[in-house]
Amino acid sequence: VVEAFYPAKQGASALAATLFGDSNRWGRLPVTMYRSSFVQEQPMESFDVTRAPGRTYRYYTGEPLFPFGFGLSYSTFELKETPRAQVDKDSSTVE
């Protein structure tokens, strides 16, 4: 099962590249998915997203079904901080 949220103009090409291993799109959710009980917990006629309880993940205190950014990657990778470049102010060079 593939869920392609808002694939836009290049969605089919990006999906094919991911499925055939030409790229790694990480497979992360671009939205928060709430449990079906959310409609009983929050007033559905209120669309105010600027204050609690609101209809946004920002104010939701329950446990979402899948939080924003949930997902897997098709490969393994490691994120690490790189050292900052040193700039010599006298010669305007970067080391």
PDB file of N, CA and C in Angstrom:
ATOM      1  N   VAL A   1       0.846  -1.172   0.000  1.00  0.00           N
ATOM      2  CA  VAL A   1       0.000   0.000   0.000  1.00  0.00           C
ATOM      3  C   VAL A   1       0.888   1.231   0.000  1.00  0.00           C
ATOM      4  N   VAL A   2       0.613   2.139  -0.907  1.00  0.00           N
ATOM      5  CA  VAL A   2       1.371   3.381  -0.999  1.00  0.00           C
ATOM      6  C   VAL A   2       0.395   4.536  -0.846  1.00  0.00           C
ATOM      7  N   GLU A   3       0.687   5.449   0.079  1.00  0.00           N
ATOM      8  CA  GLU A   3      -0.103   6.669   0.246  1.00  0.00           C
ATOM      9  C   GLU A   3       0.751   7.818  -0.239  1.00  0.00           C
ATOM     10  N   ALA A   4       0.327   8.479  -1.280  1.00  0.00           N
ATOM     11  CA  ALA A   4       1.079   9.599  -1.839  1.00  0.00           C
ATOM     12  C   ALA A   4       0.303  10.882  -1.560  1.00  0.00           C
ATOM     13  N   PHE A   5       0.624  11.549  -0.470  1.00  0.00           N
ATOM     14  CA  PHE A   5      -0.051  12.793  -0.112  1.00  0.00           C
ATOM     15  C   PHE A   5       0.349  13.901  -1.063  1.00  0.00           C
ATOM     16  N   TYR A   6      -0.618  14.547  -1.689  1.00  0.00           N
ATOM     17  CA  TYR A   6      -0.403  15.705  -2.536  1.00  0.00           C
ATOM     18  C   TYR A   6       0.768  15.504  -3.517  1.00  0.00           C
ATOM     19  N   PRO A   7       0.686  14.546  -4.423  1.00  0.00           N
ATOM     20  CA  PRO A   7       1.832  14.218  -5.277  1.00  0.00           C
ATOM     21  C   PRO A   7       2.213  15.301  -6.282  1.00  0.00           C
ATOM     22  N   ALA A   8       1.327  16.180  -6.607  1.00  0.00           N
ATOM     23  CA  ALA A   8       1.578  17.306  -7.514  1.00  0.00           C
ATOM     24  C   ALA A   8       2.091  16.854  -8.880  1.00  0.00           C
ATOM     25  N   LYS A   9       2.772  17.749  -9.577  1.00  0.00           N
ATOM     26  CA  LYS A   9       3.155  17.527 -10.969  1.00  0.00           C
ATOM     27  C   LYS A   9       4.151  16.384 -11.149  1.00  0.00           C
ATOM     28  N   GLN A  10       5.149  16.279 -10.300  1.00  0.00           N
ATOM     29  CA  GLN A  10       6.194  15.278 -10.451  1.00  0.00           C
ATOM     30  C   GLN A  10       5.982  14.060  -9.543  1.00  0.00           C
ATOM     31  N   GLY A  11       4.780  13.918  -8.990  1.00  0.00           N
ATOM     32  CA  GLY A  11       4.506  12.830  -8.049  1.00  0.00           C
ATOM     33  C   GLY A  11       4.737  11.440  -8.602  1.00  0.00           C
ATOM     34  N   ALA A  12       4.291  11.180  -9.819  1.00  0.00           N
ATOM     35  CA  ALA A  12       4.447   9.848 -10.411  1.00  0.00           C
ATOM     36  C   ALA A  12       5.920   9.515 -10.625  1.00  0.00           C
ATOM     37  N   SER A  13       6.696  10.484 -11.090  1.00  0.00           N
ATOM     38  CA  SER A  13       8.130  10.257 -11.303  1.00  0.00           C
ATOM     39  C   SER A  13       8.841  10.006  -9.984  1.00  0.00           C
ATOM     40  N   ALA A  14       8.495  10.781  -8.956  1.00  0.00           N
ATOM     41  CA  ALA A  14       9.120  10.606  -7.640  1.00  0.00           C
ATOM     42  C   ALA A  14       8.752   9.261  -7.039  1.00  0.00           C
ATOM     43  N   LEU A  15       7.500   8.845  -7.185  1.00  0.00           N
ATOM     44  CA  LEU A  15       7.055   7.558  -6.660  1.00  0.00           C
ATOM     45  C   LEU A  15       7.774   6.412  -7.367  1.00  0.00           C
ATOM     46  N   ALA A  16       7.898   6.490  -8.684  1.00  0.00           N
ATOM     47  CA  ALA A  16       8.602   5.445  -9.435  1.00  0.00           C
ATOM     48  C   ALA A  16      10.069   5.369  -9.020  1.00  0.00           C
ATOM     49  N   ALA A  17      10.716   6.511  -8.845  1.00  0.00           N
ATOM     50  CA  ALA A  17      12.123   6.534  -8.434  1.00  0.00           C
ATOM     51  C   ALA A  17      12.301   5.886  -7.064  1.00  0.00           C
ATOM     52  N   THR A  18      11.363   6.099  -6.162  1.00  0.00           N
ATOM     53  CA  THR A  18      11.438   5.501  -4.825  1.00  0.00           C
ATOM     54  C   THR A  18      11.206   3.996  -4.895  1.00  0.00           C
ATOM     55  N   LEU A  19      10.177   3.584  -5.623  1.00  0.00           N
ATOM     56  CA  LEU A  19       9.854   2.155  -5.698  1.00  0.00           C
ATOM     57  C   LEU A  19      10.950   1.338  -6.384  1.00  0.00           C
ATOM     58  N   PHE A  20      11.654   1.950  -7.328  1.00  0.00           N
ATOM     59  CA  PHE A  20      12.706   1.226  -8.037  1.00  0.00           C
ATOM     60  C   PHE A  20      14.090   1.461  -7.448  1.00  0.00           C
ATOM     61  N   GLY A  21      14.164   2.098  -6.289  1.00  0.00           N
ATOM     62  CA  GLY A  21      15.419   2.254  -5.567  1.00  0.00           C
ATOM     63  C   GLY A  21      16.340   3.334  -6.082  1.00  0.00           C
ATOM     64  N   ASP A  22      15.845   4.235  -6.915  1.00  0.00           N
ATOM     65  CA  ASP A  22      16.685   5.314  -7.428  1.00  0.00           C
ATOM     66  C   ASP A  22      16.803   6.479  -6.451  1.00  0.00           C
ATOM     67  N   SER A  23      15.904   6.543  -5.467  1.00  0.00           N
ATOM     68  CA  SER A  23      15.959   7.603  -4.463  1.00  0.00           C
ATOM     69  C   SER A  23      15.395   7.081  -3.148  1.00  0.00           C
ATOM     70  N   ASN A  24      15.646   7.813  -2.081  1.00  0.00           N
ATOM     71  CA  ASN A  24      15.136   7.462  -0.760  1.00  0.00           C
ATOM     72  C   ASN A  24      14.323   8.636  -0.252  1.00  0.00           C
ATOM     73  N   ARG A  25      13.024   8.515  -0.306  1.00  0.00           N
ATOM     74  CA  ARG A  25      12.140   9.611   0.116  1.00  0.00           C
ATOM     75  C   ARG A  25      11.719   9.502   1.575  1.00  0.00           C
ATOM     76  N   TRP A  26      12.279   8.616   2.311  1.00  0.00           N
ATOM     77  CA  TRP A  26      12.091   8.418   3.744  1.00  0.00           C
ATOM     78  C   TRP A  26      10.720   7.899   4.141  1.00  0.00           C
ATOM     79  N   GLY A  27       9.660   8.158   3.454  1.00  0.00           N
ATOM     80  CA  GLY A  27       8.345   7.637   3.804  1.00  0.00           C
ATOM     81  C   GLY A  27       7.771   8.212   5.081  1.00  0.00           C
ATOM     82  N   ARG A  28       7.928   9.484   5.318  1.00  0.00           N
ATOM     83  CA  ARG A  28       7.428  10.141   6.523  1.00  0.00           C
ATOM     84  C   ARG A  28       6.082  10.809   6.259  1.00  0.00           C
ATOM     85  N   LEU A  29       5.198  10.770   7.260  1.00  0.00           N
ATOM     86  CA  LEU A  29       3.885  11.387   7.121  1.00  0.00           C
ATOM     87  C   LEU A  29       3.978  12.912   7.168  1.00  0.00           C
ATOM     88  N   PRO A  30       3.298  13.610   6.245  1.00  0.00           N
ATOM     89  CA  PRO A  30       3.296  15.068   6.266  1.00  0.00           C
ATOM     90  C   PRO A  30       2.165  15.653   7.108  1.00  0.00           C
ATOM     91  N   VAL A  31       1.384  14.800   7.757  1.00  0.00           N
ATOM     92  CA  VAL A  31       0.259  15.230   8.590  1.00  0.00           C
ATOM     93  C   VAL A  31       0.189  14.354   9.838  1.00  0.00           C
ATOM     94  N   THR A  32      -0.568  14.806  10.838  1.00  0.00           N
ATOM     95  CA  THR A  32      -0.852  13.994  12.020  1.00  0.00           C
ATOM     96  C   THR A  32      -2.174  13.297  11.792  1.00  0.00           C
ATOM     97  N   MET A  33      -2.222  11.994  12.032  1.00  0.00           N
ATOM     98  CA  MET A  33      -3.467  11.238  11.891  1.00  0.00           C
ATOM     99  C   MET A  33      -3.996  10.915  13.281  1.00  0.00           C
ATOM    100  N   TYR A  34      -5.230  11.339  13.530  1.00  0.00           N
ATOM    101  CA  TYR A  34      -5.847  11.150  14.835  1.00  0.00           C
ATOM    102  C   TYR A  34      -6.690   9.884  14.854  1.00  0.00           C
ATOM    103  N   ARG A  35      -6.952   9.397  16.054  1.00  0.00           N
ATOM    104  CA  ARG A  35      -7.839   8.253  16.218  1.00  0.00           C
ATOM    105  C   ARG A  35      -9.264   8.666  15.856  1.00  0.00           C
ATOM    106  N   SER A  36     -10.112   7.716  15.544  1.00  0.00           N
ATOM    107  CA  SER A  36     -11.488   8.039  15.154  1.00  0.00           C
ATOM    108  C   SER A  36     -12.259   8.706  16.291  1.00  0.00           C
ATOM    109  N   SER A  37     -11.822   8.520  17.525  1.00  0.00           N
ATOM    110  CA  SER A  37     -12.500   9.142  18.667  1.00  0.00           C
ATOM    111  C   SER A  37     -12.278  10.656  18.713  1.00  0.00           C
ATOM    112  N   PHE A  38     -11.391  11.189  17.886  1.00  0.00           N
ATOM    113  CA  PHE A  38     -11.095  12.620  17.866  1.00  0.00           C
ATOM    114  C   PHE A  38     -12.349  13.446  17.603  1.00  0.00           C
ATOM    115  N   VAL A  39     -13.249  12.948  16.781  1.00  0.00           N
ATOM    116  CA  VAL A  39     -14.460  13.712  16.454  1.00  0.00           C
ATOM    117  C   VAL A  39     -15.404  13.826  17.644  1.00  0.00           C
ATOM    118  N   GLN A  40     -15.307  12.913  18.618  1.00  0.00           N
ATOM    119  CA  GLN A  40     -16.104  13.048  19.833  1.00  0.00           C
ATOM    120  C   GLN A  40     -15.380  13.914  20.876  1.00  0.00           C
ATOM    121  N   GLU A  41     -14.064  13.964  20.809  1.00  0.00           N
ATOM    122  CA  GLU A  41     -13.272  14.725  21.777  1.00  0.00           C
ATOM    123  C   GLU A  41     -13.270  16.223  21.502  1.00  0.00           C
ATOM    124  N   GLN A  42     -13.284  16.611  20.231  1.00  0.00           N
ATOM    125  CA  GLN A  42     -13.171  18.014  19.852  1.00  0.00           C
ATOM    126  C   GLN A  42     -14.434  18.487  19.146  1.00  0.00           C
ATOM    127  N   PRO A  43     -14.829  19.747  19.372  1.00  0.00           N
ATOM    128  CA  PRO A  43     -15.993  20.283  18.652  1.00  0.00           C
ATOM    129  C   PRO A  43     -15.666  20.458  17.169  1.00  0.00           C
ATOM    130  N   MET A  44     -16.366  19.756  16.316  1.00  0.00           N
ATOM    131  CA  MET A  44     -16.055  19.788  14.889  1.00  0.00           C
ATOM    132  C   MET A  44     -16.516  21.070  14.201  1.00  0.00           C
ATOM    133  N   GLU A  45     -17.340  21.873  14.864  1.00  0.00           N
ATOM    134  CA  GLU A  45     -17.759  23.130  14.251  1.00  0.00           C
ATOM    135  C   GLU A  45     -16.748  24.254  14.496  1.00  0.00           C
ATOM    136  N   SER A  46     -15.757  24.021  15.351  1.00  0.00           N
ATOM    137  CA  SER A  46     -14.728  25.022  15.637  1.00  0.00           C
ATOM    138  C   SER A  46     -13.494  24.747  14.790  1.00  0.00           C
ATOM    139  N   PHE A  47     -13.143  25.731  13.968  1.00  0.00           N
ATOM    140  CA  PHE A  47     -11.955  25.598  13.123  1.00  0.00           C
ATOM    141  C   PHE A  47     -10.830  26.518  13.590  1.00  0.00           C
ATOM    142  N   ASP A  48     -10.934  27.004  14.818  1.00  0.00           N
ATOM    143  CA  ASP A  48      -9.919  27.912  15.356  1.00  0.00           C
ATOM    144  C   ASP A  48      -8.632  27.139  15.634  1.00  0.00           C
ATOM    145  N   VAL A  49      -7.561  27.495  14.951  1.00  0.00           N
ATOM    146  CA  VAL A  49      -6.277  26.818  15.150  1.00  0.00           C
ATOM    147  C   VAL A  49      -5.294  27.693  15.919  1.00  0.00           C
ATOM    148  N   THR A  50      -5.784  28.825  16.468  1.00  0.00           N
ATOM    149  CA  THR A  50      -4.885  29.741  17.170  1.00  0.00           C
ATOM    150  C   THR A  50      -4.898  29.583  18.681  1.00  0.00           C
ATOM    151  N   ARG A  51      -5.871  28.853  19.238  1.00  0.00           N
ATOM    152  CA  ARG A  51      -5.894  28.650  20.687  1.00  0.00           C
ATOM    153  C   ARG A  51      -6.514  27.296  21.003  1.00  0.00           C
ATOM    154  N   ALA A  52      -6.218  26.808  22.196  1.00  0.00           N
ATOM    155  CA  ALA A  52      -6.706  25.501  22.634  1.00  0.00           C
ATOM    156  C   ALA A  52      -8.223  25.519  22.763  1.00  0.00           C
ATOM    157  N   PRO A  53      -8.953  24.426  22.537  1.00  0.00           N
ATOM    158  CA  PRO A  53      -8.409  23.152  22.125  1.00  0.00           C
ATOM    159  C   PRO A  53      -8.020  23.121  20.661  1.00  0.00           C
ATOM    160  N   GLY A  54      -8.608  23.976  19.829  1.00  0.00           N
ATOM    161  CA  GLY A  54      -8.190  24.056  18.429  1.00  0.00           C
ATOM    162  C   GLY A  54      -8.283  22.746  17.675  1.00  0.00           C
ATOM    163  N   ARG A  55      -8.090  22.812  16.373  1.00  0.00           N
ATOM    164  CA  ARG A  55      -8.114  21.612  15.542  1.00  0.00           C
ATOM    165  C   ARG A  55      -6.759  21.423  14.907  1.00  0.00           C
ATOM    166  N   THR A  56      -5.755  21.338  15.729  1.00  0.00           N
ATOM    167  CA  THR A  56      -4.393  21.195  15.243  1.00  0.00           C
ATOM    168  C   THR A  56      -3.594  20.360  16.236  1.00  0.00           C
ATOM    169  N   TYR A  57      -2.558  19.705  15.748  1.00  0.00           N
ATOM    170  CA  TYR A  57      -1.702  18.885  16.602  1.00  0.00           C
ATOM    171  C   TYR A  57      -1.069  19.699  17.721  1.00  0.00           C
ATOM    172  N   ARG A  58      -0.935  20.986  17.534  1.00  0.00           N
ATOM    173  CA  ARG A  58      -0.274  21.842  18.524  1.00  0.00           C
ATOM    174  C   ARG A  58      -0.950  21.780  19.886  1.00  0.00           C
ATOM    175  N   TYR A  59      -2.261  21.683  19.905  1.00  0.00           N
ATOM    176  CA  TYR A  59      -3.005  21.685  21.160  1.00  0.00           C
ATOM    177  C   TYR A  59      -3.561  20.326  21.540  1.00  0.00           C
ATOM    178  N   TYR A  60      -3.396  19.345  20.706  1.00  0.00           N
ATOM    179  CA  TYR A  60      -3.955  18.020  20.980  1.00  0.00           C
ATOM    180  C   TYR A  60      -3.178  17.351  22.110  1.00  0.00           C
ATOM    181  N   THR A  61      -3.882  16.939  23.172  1.00  0.00           N
ATOM    182  CA  THR A  61      -3.215  16.331  24.331  1.00  0.00           C
ATOM    183  C   THR A  61      -3.333  14.813  24.336  1.00  0.00           C
ATOM    184  N   GLY A  62      -4.151  14.254  23.443  1.00  0.00           N
ATOM    185  CA  GLY A  62      -4.306  12.804  23.371  1.00  0.00           C
ATOM    186  C   GLY A  62      -3.160  12.163  22.599  1.00  0.00           C
ATOM    187  N   GLU A  63      -3.250  10.872  22.441  1.00  0.00           N
ATOM    188  CA  GLU A  63      -2.244  10.107  21.700  1.00  0.00           C
ATOM    189  C   GLU A  63      -2.704   9.970  20.242  1.00  0.00           C
ATOM    190  N   PRO A  64      -1.994  10.575  19.270  1.00  0.00           N
ATOM    191  CA  PRO A  64      -2.417  10.438  17.877  1.00  0.00           C
ATOM    192  C   PRO A  64      -2.186   9.013  17.378  1.00  0.00           C
ATOM    193  N   LEU A  65      -2.938   8.634  16.384  1.00  0.00           N
ATOM    194  CA  LEU A  65      -2.761   7.323  15.773  1.00  0.00           C
ATOM    195  C   LEU A  65      -1.377   7.246  15.122  1.00  0.00           C
ATOM    196  N   PHE A  66      -1.035   8.264  14.337  1.00  0.00           N
ATOM    197  CA  PHE A  66       0.295   8.398  13.735  1.00  0.00           C
ATOM    198  C   PHE A  66       0.683   9.868  13.804  1.00  0.00           C
ATOM    199  N   PRO A  67       1.747  10.228  14.530  1.00  0.00           N
ATOM    200  CA  PRO A  67       2.136  11.636  14.632  1.00  0.00           C
ATOM    201  C   PRO A  67       2.814  12.146  13.364  1.00  0.00           C
ATOM    202  N   PHE A  68       2.873  13.453  13.227  1.00  0.00           N
ATOM    203  CA  PHE A  68       3.574  14.084  12.107  1.00  0.00           C
ATOM    204  C   PHE A  68       4.998  13.549  12.042  1.00  0.00           C
ATOM    205  N   GLY A  69       5.454  13.177  10.864  1.00  0.00           N
ATOM    206  CA  GLY A  69       6.811  12.674  10.692  1.00  0.00           C
ATOM    207  C   GLY A  69       6.978  11.192  10.954  1.00  0.00           C
ATOM    208  N   PHE A  70       5.903  10.497  11.302  1.00  0.00           N
ATOM    209  CA  PHE A  70       5.986   9.064  11.558  1.00  0.00           C
ATOM    210  C   PHE A  70       6.300   8.337  10.261  1.00  0.00           C
ATOM    211  N   GLY A  71       7.100   7.305  10.329  1.00  0.00           N
ATOM    212  CA  GLY A  71       7.361   6.516   9.137  1.00  0.00           C
ATOM    213  C   GLY A  71       8.712   5.848   9.175  1.00  0.00           C
ATOM    214  N   LEU A  72       9.007   5.189   8.091  1.00  0.00           N
ATOM    215  CA  LEU A  72      10.237   4.427   7.955  1.00  0.00           C
ATOM    216  C   LEU A  72      11.033   4.919   6.763  1.00  0.00           C
ATOM    217  N   SER A  73      12.250   4.460   6.671  1.00  0.00           N
ATOM    218  CA  SER A  73      13.088   4.762   5.523  1.00  0.00           C
ATOM    219  C   SER A  73      13.324   3.470   4.754  1.00  0.00           C
ATOM    220  N   TYR A  74      13.564   3.594   3.473  1.00  0.00           N
ATOM    221  CA  TYR A  74      13.853   2.424   2.655  1.00  0.00           C
ATOM    222  C   TYR A  74      15.316   2.018   2.726  1.00  0.00           C
ATOM    223  N   SER A  75      16.116   2.795   3.445  1.00  0.00           N
ATOM    224  CA  SER A  75      17.533   2.477   3.606  1.00  0.00           C
ATOM    225  C   SER A  75      17.978   2.901   5.000  1.00  0.00           C
ATOM    226  N   THR A  76      19.231   2.680   5.302  1.00  0.00           N
ATOM    227  CA  THR A  76      19.765   3.139   6.571  1.00  0.00           C
ATOM    228  C   THR A  76      20.600   4.385   6.336  1.00  0.00           C
ATOM    229  N   PHE A  77      20.571   5.285   7.273  1.00  0.00           N
ATOM    230  CA  PHE A  77      21.338   6.510   7.161  1.00  0.00           C
ATOM    231  C   PHE A  77      21.615   7.042   8.549  1.00  0.00           C
ATOM    232  N   GLU A  78      22.542   7.965   8.624  1.00  0.00           N
ATOM    233  CA  GLU A  78      22.915   8.555   9.896  1.00  0.00           C
ATOM    234  C   GLU A  78      23.025  10.055   9.722  1.00  0.00           C
ATOM    235  N   LEU A  79      22.398  10.805  10.623  1.00  0.00           N
ATOM    236  CA  LEU A  79      22.499  12.252  10.608  1.00  0.00           C
ATOM    237  C   LEU A  79      23.480  12.657  11.690  1.00  0.00           C
ATOM    238  N   LYS A  80      24.412  13.506  11.344  1.00  0.00           N
ATOM    239  CA  LYS A  80      25.355  13.979  12.354  1.00  0.00           C
ATOM    240  C   LYS A  80      25.719  15.420  12.056  1.00  0.00           C
ATOM    241  N   GLU A  81      26.129  16.100  13.105  1.00  0.00           N
ATOM    242  CA  GLU A  81      26.501  17.497  12.974  1.00  0.00           C
ATOM    243  C   GLU A  81      27.916  17.586  12.416  1.00  0.00           C
ATOM    244  N   THR A  82      28.112  18.484  11.472  1.00  0.00           N
ATOM    245  CA  THR A  82      29.439  18.662  10.895  1.00  0.00           C
ATOM    246  C   THR A  82      30.084  19.894  11.514  1.00  0.00           C
ATOM    247  N   PRO A  83      31.399  19.912  11.597  1.00  0.00           N
ATOM    248  CA  PRO A  83      32.066  21.091  12.176  1.00  0.00           C
ATOM    249  C   PRO A  83      31.858  22.316  11.303  1.00  0.00           C
ATOM    250  N   ARG A  84      31.797  23.461  11.931  1.00  0.00           N
ATOM    251  CA  ARG A  84      31.610  24.709  11.196  1.00  0.00           C
ATOM    252  C   ARG A  84      32.919  25.126  10.535  1.00  0.00           C
ATOM    253  N   ALA A  85      32.797  25.746   9.390  1.00  0.00           N
ATOM    254  CA  ALA A  85      33.972  26.217   8.667  1.00  0.00           C
ATOM    255  C   ALA A  85      34.613  27.377   9.421  1.00  0.00           C
ATOM    256  N   GLN A  86      35.933  27.417   9.400  1.00  0.00           N
ATOM    257  CA  GLN A  86      36.682  28.505  10.017  1.00  0.00           C
ATOM    258  C   GLN A  86      37.051  29.517   8.930  1.00  0.00           C
ATOM    259  N   VAL A  87      36.746  30.777   9.173  1.00  0.00           N
ATOM    260  CA  VAL A  87      37.031  31.828   8.198  1.00  0.00           C
ATOM    261  C   VAL A  87      38.188  32.676   8.715  1.00  0.00           C
ATOM    262  N   ASP A  88      39.213  32.807   7.887  1.00  0.00           N
ATOM    263  CA  ASP A  88      40.347  33.678   8.208  1.00  0.00           C
ATOM    264  C   ASP A  88      39.974  35.084   7.753  1.00  0.00           C
ATOM    265  N   LYS A  89      39.729  35.984   8.701  1.00  0.00           N
ATOM    266  CA  LYS A  89      39.233  37.322   8.366  1.00  0.00           C
ATOM    267  C   LYS A  89      40.284  38.171   7.640  1.00  0.00           C
ATOM    268  N   ASP A  90      41.572  37.861   7.844  1.00  0.00           N
ATOM    269  CA  ASP A  90      42.615  38.647   7.197  1.00  0.00           C
ATOM    270  C   ASP A  90      42.739  38.333   5.708  1.00  0.00           C
ATOM    271  N   SER A  91      42.625  37.055   5.355  1.00  0.00           N
ATOM    272  CA  SER A  91      42.820  36.671   3.951  1.00  0.00           C
ATOM    273  C   SER A  91      41.531  36.317   3.236  1.00  0.00           C
ATOM    274  N   SER A  92      40.406  36.345   3.949  1.00  0.00           N
ATOM    275  CA  SER A  92      39.093  36.015   3.382  1.00  0.00           C
ATOM    276  C   SER A  92      39.046  34.618   2.794  1.00  0.00           C
ATOM    277  N   THR A  93      39.713  33.657   3.431  1.00  0.00           N
ATOM    278  CA  THR A  93      39.659  32.262   2.985  1.00  0.00           C
ATOM    279  C   THR A  93      38.894  31.419   3.994  1.00  0.00           C
ATOM    280  N   VAL A  94      38.356  30.330   3.494  1.00  0.00           N
ATOM    281  CA  VAL A  94      37.596  29.419   4.344  1.00  0.00           C
ATOM    282  C   VAL A  94      38.390  28.126   4.464  1.00  0.00           C
ATOM    283  N   GLU A  95      38.572  27.654   5.693  1.00  0.00           N
ATOM    284  CA  GLU A  95      39.292  26.389   5.916  1.00  0.00           C
ATOM    285  C   GLU A  95      38.321  25.318   6.368  1.00  0.00           C
TER     286      GLU A  95
END
